[in-house]
């Protein structure tokens, strides 16, 4: 972390980032395009915005080994799977339920780090995990009372969360030996290509969408990705990874408020209770000082 201060106060930039990523689910809900098309153009347009600044990293790209390229491919596939499942979940369940479940990302990272790297967790982290998982059970239970589609959306969100955790665990190994900007650019392009192949095989049209949809595709690339996740990565120069990681608690809150104001979405008492438990469990987890999981979050790409 740098001692230099950014031109704008860090708390204000953090607020901008939280609001930006909170709009991700709103834009997805506004779009009538298939989730795979939204994901493809979000990643494609983000890559195009990043490419003009990629020249200084060309040497690092040529220095990558074959194994690195294979891991980058796996990471890109998992990122595409994350977007496919999470964006798809919003077609069935509420913004609040989907984003609260997505906030479990650090929990799945903790489990993956233990299975892959034998990284042990503190008692406080395990307690936070248990509280958060119980909260998700309550959210799912509340959605069962609404419709089977809501529960289907919850399960898709869980699958998307598992996929992004795997993506970040691979990223943990890669960003230790390559610039994070280069890593982000390559996996964004890879995931966009995966989406293109998926859409081609599924017979999903690439271009037959009204102007309004193209506007949403651009907004998804600029607002939650550039002014959200890429901004958070840049802020790691000026503040701790723990502080940046705590923003994961802000997205479900911000997205739920926006969904209430812009979409008229309501939550049941059981869902509110589950959401509070998820946020509380994650707060316990993130404040428990697990350095490994925090380090992984330094490479966060665009989740939501």
C-alpha atoms as a PDB file:
ATOM      1  CA  UNK A   1       0.000   0.000   0.000  1.00  0.00           C
ATOM      2  CA  UNK A   2       1.254   3.444  -0.944  1.00  0.00           C
ATOM      3  CA  UNK A   3       1.546   6.371   1.435  1.00  0.00           C
ATOM      4  CA  UNK A   4       0.461   8.685  -1.402  1.00  0.00           C
ATOM      5  CA  UNK A   5      -3.066  10.027  -1.221  1.00  0.00           C
ATOM      6  CA  UNK A   6      -5.439   9.905  -4.205  1.00  0.00           C
ATOM      7  CA  UNK A   7      -6.721  13.198  -5.655  1.00  0.00           C
ATOM      8  CA  UNK A   8     -10.168  12.433  -4.188  1.00  0.00           C
ATOM      9  CA  UNK A   9     -10.706  11.233  -0.559  1.00  0.00           C
ATOM     10  CA  UNK A  10     -10.721   7.429  -0.260  1.00  0.00           C
ATOM     11  CA  UNK A  11     -14.113   7.241   1.559  1.00  0.00           C
ATOM     12  CA  UNK A  12     -15.775   9.177  -1.264  1.00  0.00           C
ATOM     13  CA  UNK A  13     -14.233   6.877  -3.883  1.00  0.00           C
ATOM     14  CA  UNK A  14     -15.357   3.852  -1.835  1.00  0.00           C
ATOM     15  CA  UNK A  15     -18.909   5.208  -1.852  1.00  0.00           C
ATOM     16  CA  UNK A  16     -18.748   5.700  -5.636  1.00  0.00           C
ATOM     17  CA  UNK A  17     -17.570   2.090  -6.021  1.00  0.00           C
ATOM     18  CA  UNK A  18     -20.322   0.658  -3.807  1.00  0.00           C
ATOM     19  CA  UNK A  19     -23.044   2.578  -5.653  1.00  0.00           C
ATOM     20  CA  UNK A  20     -21.551   1.512  -9.000  1.00  0.00           C
ATOM     21  CA  UNK A  21     -21.490  -2.228  -8.245  1.00  0.00           C
ATOM     22  CA  UNK A  22     -24.955  -1.995  -6.681  1.00  0.00           C
ATOM     23  CA  UNK A  23     -26.333  -0.955 -10.087  1.00  0.00           C
ATOM     24  CA  UNK A  24     -25.136  -4.201 -11.704  1.00  0.00           C
ATOM     25  CA  UNK A  25     -28.207  -6.222 -10.675  1.00  0.00           C
ATOM     26  CA  UNK A  26     -30.537  -3.328 -11.611  1.00  0.00           C
ATOM     27  CA  UNK A  27     -29.173  -3.133 -15.167  1.00  0.00           C
ATOM     28  CA  UNK A  28     -29.490  -6.919 -15.519  1.00  0.00           C
ATOM     29  CA  UNK A  29     -33.112  -6.775 -14.361  1.00  0.00           C
ATOM     30  CA  UNK A  30     -33.839  -3.971 -16.835  1.00  0.00           C
ATOM     31  CA  UNK A  31     -32.493  -5.999 -19.756  1.00  0.00           C
ATOM     32  CA  UNK A  32     -34.625  -8.491 -21.676  1.00  0.00           C
ATOM     33  CA  UNK A  33     -31.564 -10.029 -23.381  1.00  0.00           C
ATOM     34  CA  UNK A  34     -30.359 -13.525 -22.387  1.00  0.00           C
ATOM     35  CA  UNK A  35     -27.873 -13.589 -19.507  1.00  0.00           C
ATOM     36  CA  UNK A  36     -25.194 -15.044 -21.803  1.00  0.00           C
ATOM     37  CA  UNK A  37     -25.512 -12.074 -24.170  1.00  0.00           C
ATOM     38  CA  UNK A  38     -25.386  -9.555 -21.320  1.00  0.00           C
ATOM     39  CA  UNK A  39     -22.270 -11.244 -19.932  1.00  0.00           C
ATOM     40  CA  UNK A  40     -20.572 -11.419 -23.341  1.00  0.00           C
ATOM     41  CA  UNK A  41     -20.991  -7.744 -24.144  1.00  0.00           C
ATOM     42  CA  UNK A  42     -20.224  -6.605 -20.596  1.00  0.00           C
ATOM     43  CA  UNK A  43     -16.848  -8.358 -20.753  1.00  0.00           C
ATOM     44  CA  UNK A  44     -16.194  -7.454 -24.395  1.00  0.00           C
ATOM     45  CA  UNK A  45     -16.834  -3.742 -23.881  1.00  0.00           C
ATOM     46  CA  UNK A  46     -14.794  -3.729 -20.656  1.00  0.00           C
ATOM     47  CA  UNK A  47     -11.892  -5.366 -22.524  1.00  0.00           C
ATOM     48  CA  UNK A  48     -12.107  -2.765 -25.294  1.00  0.00           C
ATOM     49  CA  UNK A  49     -11.952   0.009 -22.685  1.00  0.00           C
ATOM     50  CA  UNK A  50      -8.866  -1.604 -21.105  1.00  0.00           C
ATOM     51  CA  UNK A  51      -6.930  -2.429 -24.291  1.00  0.00           C
ATOM     52  CA  UNK A  52      -5.580   1.111 -24.996  1.00  0.00           C
ATOM     53  CA  UNK A  53      -3.726   0.993 -21.639  1.00  0.00           C
ATOM     54  CA  UNK A  54      -2.318  -2.535 -22.067  1.00  0.00           C
ATOM     55  CA  UNK A  55       0.862  -1.725 -24.036  1.00  0.00           C
ATOM     56  CA  UNK A  56       3.168  -1.472 -20.955  1.00  0.00           C
ATOM     57  CA  UNK A  57       2.197  -5.060 -20.049  1.00  0.00           C
ATOM     58  CA  UNK A  58       3.114  -6.682 -23.390  1.00  0.00           C
ATOM     59  CA  UNK A  59       6.493  -7.876 -22.073  1.00  0.00           C
ATOM     60  CA  UNK A  60       4.840  -9.574 -19.104  1.00  0.00           C
ATOM     61  CA  UNK A  61       2.384 -11.294 -21.457  1.00  0.00           C
ATOM     62  CA  UNK A  62       5.180 -12.791 -23.572  1.00  0.00           C
ATOM     63  CA  UNK A  63       6.917 -14.005 -20.390  1.00  0.00           C
ATOM     64  CA  UNK A  64       3.954 -16.162 -19.352  1.00  0.00           C
ATOM     65  CA  UNK A  65       4.492 -19.907 -19.346  1.00  0.00           C
ATOM     66  CA  UNK A  66       2.247 -22.540 -20.912  1.00  0.00           C
ATOM     67  CA  UNK A  67       0.955 -23.496 -17.458  1.00  0.00           C
ATOM     68  CA  UNK A  68       0.063 -19.847 -16.800  1.00  0.00           C
ATOM     69  CA  UNK A  69      -1.996 -19.699 -20.000  1.00  0.00           C
ATOM     70  CA  UNK A  70      -3.817 -22.890 -19.024  1.00  0.00           C
ATOM     71  CA  UNK A  71      -4.661 -21.421 -15.609  1.00  0.00           C
ATOM     72  CA  UNK A  72      -5.774 -18.165 -17.249  1.00  0.00           C
ATOM     73  CA  UNK A  73      -8.076 -20.182 -19.497  1.00  0.00           C
ATOM     74  CA  UNK A  74      -9.573 -22.007 -16.507  1.00  0.00           C
ATOM     75  CA  UNK A  75     -10.025 -18.735 -14.630  1.00  0.00           C
ATOM     76  CA  UNK A  76     -11.749 -17.141 -17.628  1.00  0.00           C
ATOM     77  CA  UNK A  77     -14.111 -20.110 -18.027  1.00  0.00           C
ATOM     78  CA  UNK A  78     -15.064 -19.924 -14.343  1.00  0.00           C
ATOM     79  CA  UNK A  79     -15.655 -16.167 -14.636  1.00  0.00           C
ATOM     80  CA  UNK A  80     -17.980 -16.769 -17.599  1.00  0.00           C
ATOM     81  CA  UNK A  81     -19.796 -19.474 -15.625  1.00  0.00           C
ATOM     82  CA  UNK A  82     -20.151 -17.069 -12.699  1.00  0.00           C
ATOM     83  CA  UNK A  83     -21.779 -14.407 -14.859  1.00  0.00           C
ATOM     84  CA  UNK A  84     -23.992 -16.936 -16.645  1.00  0.00           C
ATOM     85  CA  UNK A  85     -25.370 -18.359 -13.388  1.00  0.00           C
ATOM     86  CA  UNK A  86     -25.569 -15.132 -11.371  1.00  0.00           C
ATOM     87  CA  UNK A  87     -27.077 -13.039 -14.145  1.00  0.00           C
ATOM     88  CA  UNK A  88     -29.460 -15.914 -14.845  1.00  0.00           C
ATOM     89  CA  UNK A  89     -30.494 -16.002 -11.185  1.00  0.00           C
ATOM     90  CA  UNK A  90     -31.868 -12.478 -11.443  1.00  0.00           C
ATOM     91  CA  UNK A  91     -34.447 -13.686 -13.971  1.00  0.00           C
ATOM     92  CA  UNK A  92     -36.019 -15.801 -11.210  1.00  0.00           C
ATOM     93  CA  UNK A  93     -35.354 -14.285  -7.794  1.00  0.00           C
ATOM     94  CA  UNK A  94     -35.139 -10.845  -6.226  1.00  0.00           C
ATOM     95  CA  UNK A  95     -32.119  -8.569  -6.385  1.00  0.00           C
ATOM     96  CA  UNK A  96     -31.786  -8.698  -2.595  1.00  0.00           C
ATOM     97  CA  UNK A  97     -31.800 -12.510  -2.371  1.00  0.00           C
ATOM     98  CA  UNK A  98     -29.366 -12.951  -5.261  1.00  0.00           C
ATOM     99  CA  UNK A  99     -26.849 -10.337  -4.116  1.00  0.00           C
ATOM    100  CA  UNK A 100     -26.984 -11.430  -0.461  1.00  0.00           C
ATOM    101  CA  UNK A 101     -26.132 -14.972  -1.532  1.00  0.00           C
ATOM    102  CA  UNK A 102     -23.374 -13.646  -3.826  1.00  0.00           C
ATOM    103  CA  UNK A 103     -21.864 -11.915  -0.798  1.00  0.00           C
ATOM    104  CA  UNK A 104     -20.918 -15.410   0.439  1.00  0.00           C
ATOM    105  CA  UNK A 105     -17.970 -15.313  -1.974  1.00  0.00           C
ATOM    106  CA  UNK A 106     -15.346 -15.067   0.840  1.00  0.00           C
ATOM    107  CA  UNK A 107     -16.872 -18.099   2.577  1.00  0.00           C
ATOM    108  CA  UNK A 108     -16.425 -20.292  -0.502  1.00  0.00           C
ATOM    109  CA  UNK A 109     -12.923 -18.880  -0.943  1.00  0.00           C
ATOM    110  CA  UNK A 110     -12.131 -19.901   2.621  1.00  0.00           C
ATOM    111  CA  UNK A 111     -13.382 -23.446   1.983  1.00  0.00           C
ATOM    112  CA  UNK A 112     -11.490 -23.647  -1.311  1.00  0.00           C
ATOM    113  CA  UNK A 113      -8.293 -22.329   0.277  1.00  0.00           C
ATOM    114  CA  UNK A 114      -8.533 -25.036   2.926  1.00  0.00           C
ATOM    115  CA  UNK A 115      -9.110 -27.829   0.378  1.00  0.00           C
ATOM    116  CA  UNK A 116      -6.456 -26.639  -2.093  1.00  0.00           C
ATOM    117  CA  UNK A 117      -3.821 -25.038   0.122  1.00  0.00           C
ATOM    118  CA  UNK A 118      -4.613 -26.536   3.558  1.00  0.00           C
ATOM    119  CA  UNK A 119      -5.103 -22.976   4.785  1.00  0.00           C
ATOM    120  CA  UNK A 120      -6.641 -23.180   8.257  1.00  0.00           C
ATOM    121  CA  UNK A 121      -9.123 -20.590   9.523  1.00  0.00           C
ATOM    122  CA  UNK A 122      -9.614 -18.995  12.900  1.00  0.00           C
ATOM    123  CA  UNK A 123     -12.515 -19.887  15.150  1.00  0.00           C
ATOM    124  CA  UNK A 124     -14.039 -16.466  14.499  1.00  0.00           C
ATOM    125  CA  UNK A 125     -13.925 -17.042  10.728  1.00  0.00           C
ATOM    126  CA  UNK A 126     -15.679 -20.401  11.100  1.00  0.00           C
ATOM    127  CA  UNK A 127     -18.314 -18.812  13.347  1.00  0.00           C
ATOM    128  CA  UNK A 128     -18.914 -16.125  10.715  1.00  0.00           C
ATOM    129  CA  UNK A 129     -19.208 -18.835   8.055  1.00  0.00           C
ATOM    130  CA  UNK A 130     -21.851 -20.690  10.085  1.00  0.00           C
ATOM    131  CA  UNK A 131     -23.889 -17.537  10.726  1.00  0.00           C
ATOM    132  CA  UNK A 132     -23.766 -16.500   7.057  1.00  0.00           C
ATOM    133  CA  UNK A 133     -24.764 -19.951   5.771  1.00  0.00           C
ATOM    134  CA  UNK A 134     -27.698 -20.054   8.210  1.00  0.00           C
ATOM    135  CA  UNK A 135     -28.748 -16.666   6.856  1.00  0.00           C
ATOM    136  CA  UNK A 136     -28.732 -18.039   3.290  1.00  0.00           C
ATOM    137  CA  UNK A 137     -30.887 -20.979   4.428  1.00  0.00           C
ATOM    138  CA  UNK A 138     -33.428 -18.469   5.775  1.00  0.00           C
ATOM    139  CA  UNK A 139     -33.373 -16.501   2.509  1.00  0.00           C
ATOM    140  CA  UNK A 140     -33.999 -19.709   0.571  1.00  0.00           C
ATOM    141  CA  UNK A 141     -36.736 -20.732   2.988  1.00  0.00           C
ATOM    142  CA  UNK A 142     -38.421 -17.373   2.530  1.00  0.00           C
ATOM    143  CA  UNK A 143     -38.195 -17.735  -1.250  1.00  0.00           C
ATOM    144  CA  UNK A 144     -39.813 -21.183  -1.142  1.00  0.00           C
ATOM    145  CA  UNK A 145     -42.881 -19.447   0.246  1.00  0.00           C
ATOM    146  CA  UNK A 146     -42.936 -17.114  -2.747  1.00  0.00           C
ATOM    147  CA  UNK A 147     -42.488 -19.516  -5.695  1.00  0.00           C
ATOM    148  CA  UNK A 148     -40.334 -22.371  -6.974  1.00  0.00           C
ATOM    149  CA  UNK A 149     -38.781 -19.926  -9.464  1.00  0.00           C
ATOM    150  CA  UNK A 150     -37.398 -17.843  -6.589  1.00  0.00           C
ATOM    151  CA  UNK A 151     -35.684 -20.893  -5.113  1.00  0.00           C
ATOM    152  CA  UNK A 152     -34.288 -21.763  -8.567  1.00  0.00           C
ATOM    153  CA  UNK A 153     -32.807 -18.260  -8.727  1.00  0.00           C
ATOM    154  CA  UNK A 154     -31.259 -18.710  -5.279  1.00  0.00           C
ATOM    155  CA  UNK A 155     -29.606 -21.981  -6.368  1.00  0.00           C
ATOM    156  CA  UNK A 156     -28.262 -20.339  -9.531  1.00  0.00           C
ATOM    157  CA  UNK A 157     -26.783 -17.560  -7.389  1.00  0.00           C
ATOM    158  CA  UNK A 158     -25.093 -20.151  -5.139  1.00  0.00           C
ATOM    159  CA  UNK A 159     -23.614 -21.813  -8.245  1.00  0.00           C
ATOM    160  CA  UNK A 160     -22.374 -18.455  -9.517  1.00  0.00           C
ATOM    161  CA  UNK A 161     -20.772 -17.748  -6.155  1.00  0.00           C
ATOM    162  CA  UNK A 162     -18.936 -21.094  -6.159  1.00  0.00           C
ATOM    163  CA  UNK A 163     -17.697 -20.373  -9.707  1.00  0.00           C
ATOM    164  CA  UNK A 164     -16.331 -16.918  -8.853  1.00  0.00           C
ATOM    165  CA  UNK A 165     -14.619 -18.319  -5.732  1.00  0.00           C
ATOM    166  CA  UNK A 166     -12.798 -20.847  -7.920  1.00  0.00           C
ATOM    167  CA  UNK A 167     -11.920 -18.066 -10.360  1.00  0.00           C
ATOM    168  CA  UNK A 168     -10.370 -16.004  -7.559  1.00  0.00           C
ATOM    169  CA  UNK A 169      -8.476 -18.936  -6.065  1.00  0.00           C
ATOM    170  CA  UNK A 170      -6.786 -19.459  -9.430  1.00  0.00           C
ATOM    171  CA  UNK A 171      -6.207 -15.712  -9.635  1.00  0.00           C
ATOM    172  CA  UNK A 172      -4.419 -15.817  -6.291  1.00  0.00           C
ATOM    173  CA  UNK A 173      -1.690 -17.974  -7.839  1.00  0.00           C
ATOM    174  CA  UNK A 174      -1.459 -15.969 -11.058  1.00  0.00           C
ATOM    175  CA  UNK A 175      -1.322 -12.393  -9.745  1.00  0.00           C
ATOM    176  CA  UNK A 176       1.667 -13.383  -7.608  1.00  0.00           C
ATOM    177  CA  UNK A 177       3.741 -13.536 -10.819  1.00  0.00           C
ATOM    178  CA  UNK A 178       1.955 -11.233 -13.275  1.00  0.00           C
ATOM    179  CA  UNK A 179       0.428  -7.714 -13.189  1.00  0.00           C
ATOM    180  CA  UNK A 180      -3.183  -7.711 -11.986  1.00  0.00           C
ATOM    181  CA  UNK A 181      -4.164  -5.433 -14.905  1.00  0.00           C
ATOM    182  CA  UNK A 182      -2.864  -7.976 -17.421  1.00  0.00           C
ATOM    183  CA  UNK A 183      -4.562 -10.802 -15.548  1.00  0.00           C
ATOM    184  CA  UNK A 184      -7.901  -8.962 -15.569  1.00  0.00           C
ATOM    185  CA  UNK A 185      -7.658  -8.122 -19.272  1.00  0.00           C
ATOM    186  CA  UNK A 186      -6.807 -11.677 -20.341  1.00  0.00           C
ATOM    187  CA  UNK A 187      -9.520 -13.351 -18.285  1.00  0.00           C
ATOM    188  CA  UNK A 188     -12.117 -10.772 -19.414  1.00  0.00           C
ATOM    189  CA  UNK A 189     -11.266 -11.521 -23.062  1.00  0.00           C
ATOM    190  CA  UNK A 190     -11.248 -15.271 -22.386  1.00  0.00           C
ATOM    191  CA  UNK A 191     -14.644 -15.168 -20.680  1.00  0.00           C
ATOM    192  CA  UNK A 192     -16.079 -13.059 -23.516  1.00  0.00           C
ATOM    193  CA  UNK A 193     -14.873 -15.677 -26.033  1.00  0.00           C
ATOM    194  CA  UNK A 194     -16.417 -18.470 -23.912  1.00  0.00           C
ATOM    195  CA  UNK A 195     -19.735 -16.605 -23.963  1.00  0.00           C
ATOM    196  CA  UNK A 196     -19.481 -16.109 -27.727  1.00  0.00           C
ATOM    197  CA  UNK A 197     -18.971 -19.862 -28.268  1.00  0.00           C
ATOM    198  CA  UNK A 198     -21.842 -20.653 -25.881  1.00  0.00           C
ATOM    199  CA  UNK A 199     -24.202 -18.262 -27.696  1.00  0.00           C
ATOM    200  CA  UNK A 200     -23.146 -19.626 -31.080  1.00  0.00           C
ATOM    201  CA  UNK A 201     -23.760 -23.259 -30.072  1.00  0.00           C
ATOM    202  CA  UNK A 202     -27.066 -22.372 -28.378  1.00  0.00           C
ATOM    203  CA  UNK A 203     -28.270 -20.433 -31.429  1.00  0.00           C
ATOM    204  CA  UNK A 204     -28.627 -17.214 -29.424  1.00  0.00           C
ATOM    205  CA  UNK A 205     -28.470 -14.127 -31.700  1.00  0.00           C
ATOM    206  CA  UNK A 206     -25.507 -11.772 -31.322  1.00  0.00           C
ATOM    207  CA  UNK A 207     -26.918  -8.563 -32.786  1.00  0.00           C
ATOM    208  CA  UNK A 208     -30.726  -8.652 -32.958  1.00  0.00           C
ATOM    209  CA  UNK A 209     -31.346  -6.328 -29.995  1.00  0.00           C
ATOM    210  CA  UNK A 210     -32.928  -2.873 -29.729  1.00  0.00           C
ATOM    211  CA  UNK A 211     -30.853   0.238 -29.021  1.00  0.00           C
ATOM    212  CA  UNK A 212     -32.007   0.236 -25.385  1.00  0.00           C
ATOM    213  CA  UNK A 213     -30.349  -3.159 -24.830  1.00  0.00           C
ATOM    214  CA  UNK A 214     -27.054  -1.960 -26.303  1.00  0.00           C
ATOM    215  CA  UNK A 215     -27.164   0.955 -23.891  1.00  0.00           C
ATOM    216  CA  UNK A 216     -27.567  -1.465 -20.980  1.00  0.00           C
ATOM    217  CA  UNK A 217     -24.631  -3.574 -22.239  1.00  0.00           C
ATOM    218  CA  UNK A 218     -22.427  -0.468 -22.239  1.00  0.00           C
ATOM    219  CA  UNK A 219     -23.670   0.579 -18.780  1.00  0.00           C
ATOM    220  CA  UNK A 220     -22.823  -2.886 -17.406  1.00  0.00           C
ATOM    221  CA  UNK A 221     -19.259  -2.501 -18.671  1.00  0.00           C
ATOM    222  CA  UNK A 222     -18.724   1.088 -17.523  1.00  0.00           C
ATOM    223  CA  UNK A 223     -20.629   1.463 -14.251  1.00  0.00           C
ATOM    224  CA  UNK A 224     -20.218  -1.706 -12.110  1.00  0.00           C
ATOM    225  CA  UNK A 225     -17.010  -2.926 -13.797  1.00  0.00           C
ATOM    226  CA  UNK A 226     -14.894   0.192 -14.429  1.00  0.00           C
ATOM    227  CA  UNK A 227     -16.278   2.433 -11.661  1.00  0.00           C
ATOM    228  CA  UNK A 228     -16.776  -0.551  -9.348  1.00  0.00           C
ATOM    229  CA  UNK A 229     -14.348  -3.442  -9.444  1.00  0.00           C
ATOM    230  CA  UNK A 230     -11.493  -1.781 -11.346  1.00  0.00           C
ATOM    231  CA  UNK A 231     -11.775   1.275  -9.073  1.00  0.00           C
ATOM    232  CA  UNK A 232     -11.507  -0.997  -6.000  1.00  0.00           C
ATOM    233  CA  UNK A 233      -8.371  -2.623  -7.432  1.00  0.00           C
ATOM    234  CA  UNK A 234      -6.849   0.825  -7.995  1.00  0.00           C
ATOM    235  CA  UNK A 235      -7.690   1.856  -4.415  1.00  0.00           C
ATOM    236  CA  UNK A 236      -5.473  -0.942  -3.061  1.00  0.00           C
ATOM    237  CA  UNK A 237      -2.592   1.506  -3.645  1.00  0.00           C
ATOM    238  CA  UNK A 238      -4.005   3.829  -1.018  1.00  0.00           C
ATOM    239  CA  UNK A 239      -5.819   1.690   1.553  1.00  0.00           C
ATOM    240  CA  UNK A 240      -5.718  -1.816   3.025  1.00  0.00           C
ATOM    241  CA  UNK A 241      -7.145  -4.878   1.309  1.00  0.00           C
ATOM    242  CA  UNK A 242      -9.307  -5.439   4.404  1.00  0.00           C
ATOM    243  CA  UNK A 243     -10.981  -2.073   3.897  1.00  0.00           C
ATOM    244  CA  UNK A 244     -11.586  -2.807   0.220  1.00  0.00           C
ATOM    245  CA  UNK A 245     -12.889  -6.289   1.044  1.00  0.00           C
ATOM    246  CA  UNK A 246     -15.485  -4.860   3.418  1.00  0.00           C
ATOM    247  CA  UNK A 247     -17.183  -3.323   0.389  1.00  0.00           C
ATOM    248  CA  UNK A 248     -18.606  -6.766  -0.340  1.00  0.00           C
ATOM    249  CA  UNK A 249     -21.077  -5.974   2.448  1.00  0.00           C
ATOM    250  CA  UNK A 250     -22.149  -2.788   0.707  1.00  0.00           C
ATOM    251  CA  UNK A 251     -23.367  -4.294  -2.574  1.00  0.00           C
ATOM    252  CA  UNK A 252     -26.369  -6.282  -1.234  1.00  0.00           C
ATOM    253  CA  UNK A 253     -27.482  -3.314   0.855  1.00  0.00           C
ATOM    254  CA  UNK A 254     -27.108  -0.835  -1.992  1.00  0.00           C
ATOM    255  CA  UNK A 255     -28.644  -3.196  -4.572  1.00  0.00           C
ATOM    256  CA  UNK A 256     -31.621  -3.944  -2.293  1.00  0.00           C
ATOM    257  CA  UNK A 257     -32.290  -0.238  -1.761  1.00  0.00           C
ATOM    258  CA  UNK A 258     -32.074   0.452  -5.508  1.00  0.00           C
ATOM    259  CA  UNK A 259     -34.340  -2.530  -6.255  1.00  0.00           C
ATOM    260  CA  UNK A 260     -36.918  -1.148  -3.820  1.00  0.00           C
ATOM    261  CA  UNK A 261     -36.768   2.343  -5.335  1.00  0.00           C
ATOM    262  CA  UNK A 262     -36.424   1.443  -9.045  1.00  0.00           C
ATOM    263  CA  UNK A 263     -38.065  -1.988  -9.331  1.00  0.00           C
ATOM    264  CA  UNK A 264     -40.561  -1.935  -6.477  1.00  0.00           C
ATOM    265  CA  UNK A 265     -39.189  -5.181  -5.026  1.00  0.00           C
ATOM    266  CA  UNK A 266     -40.317  -6.144  -1.526  1.00  0.00           C
ATOM    267  CA  UNK A 267     -38.789  -8.616   0.951  1.00  0.00           C
ATOM    268  CA  UNK A 268     -40.465 -10.882   3.481  1.00  0.00           C
ATOM    269  CA  UNK A 269     -39.547 -10.748   7.164  1.00  0.00           C
ATOM    270  CA  UNK A 270     -37.757 -14.099   6.845  1.00  0.00           C
ATOM    271  CA  UNK A 271     -35.662 -12.785   3.963  1.00  0.00           C
ATOM    272  CA  UNK A 272     -34.745  -9.642   5.900  1.00  0.00           C
ATOM    273  CA  UNK A 273     -33.705 -11.798   8.878  1.00  0.00           C
ATOM    274  CA  UNK A 274     -31.612 -14.021   6.611  1.00  0.00           C
ATOM    275  CA  UNK A 275     -30.012 -10.992   4.995  1.00  0.00           C
ATOM    276  CA  UNK A 276     -29.056  -9.490   8.348  1.00  0.00           C
ATOM    277  CA  UNK A 277     -27.480 -12.819   9.370  1.00  0.00           C
ATOM    278  CA  UNK A 278     -25.539 -13.063   6.095  1.00  0.00           C
ATOM    279  CA  UNK A 279     -24.167  -9.544   6.506  1.00  0.00           C
ATOM    280  CA  UNK A 280     -23.395 -10.121  10.198  1.00  0.00           C
ATOM    281  CA  UNK A 281     -21.660 -13.431   9.522  1.00  0.00           C
ATOM    282  CA  UNK A 282     -19.572 -11.889   6.763  1.00  0.00           C
ATOM    283  CA  UNK A 283     -18.616  -8.983   9.017  1.00  0.00           C
ATOM    284  CA  UNK A 284     -17.358 -11.468  11.637  1.00  0.00           C
ATOM    285  CA  UNK A 285     -15.496 -13.367   8.913  1.00  0.00           C
ATOM    286  CA  UNK A 286     -13.855 -10.330   7.302  1.00  0.00           C
ATOM    287  CA  UNK A 287     -12.841  -8.842  10.633  1.00  0.00           C
ATOM    288  CA  UNK A 288     -11.296 -12.102  11.851  1.00  0.00           C
ATOM    289  CA  UNK A 289      -8.007 -11.256  10.173  1.00  0.00           C
ATOM    290  CA  UNK A 290      -7.804 -14.068   7.642  1.00  0.00           C
ATOM    291  CA  UNK A 291      -4.939 -12.747   5.526  1.00  0.00           C
ATOM    292  CA  UNK A 292      -5.157 -15.368   2.816  1.00  0.00           C
ATOM    293  CA  UNK A 293      -8.761 -14.634   1.880  1.00  0.00           C
ATOM    294  CA  UNK A 294      -8.098 -10.902   1.967  1.00  0.00           C
ATOM    295  CA  UNK A 295      -5.153 -11.364  -0.384  1.00  0.00           C
ATOM    296  CA  UNK A 296      -7.363 -13.262  -2.811  1.00  0.00           C
ATOM    297  CA  UNK A 297      -9.844 -10.407  -2.824  1.00  0.00           C
ATOM    298  CA  UNK A 298      -7.089  -8.074  -4.046  1.00  0.00           C
ATOM    299  CA  UNK A 299      -7.603  -9.725  -7.424  1.00  0.00           C
ATOM    300  CA  UNK A 300     -11.399  -9.373  -7.421  1.00  0.00           C
ATOM    301  CA  UNK A 301     -12.762  -9.077 -10.901  1.00  0.00           C
ATOM    302  CA  UNK A 302     -16.093  -8.337 -11.343  1.00  0.00           C
ATOM    303  CA  UNK A 303     -18.445 -10.179  -9.588  1.00  0.00           C
ATOM    304  CA  UNK A 304     -21.463  -8.903  -9.674  1.00  0.00           C
END
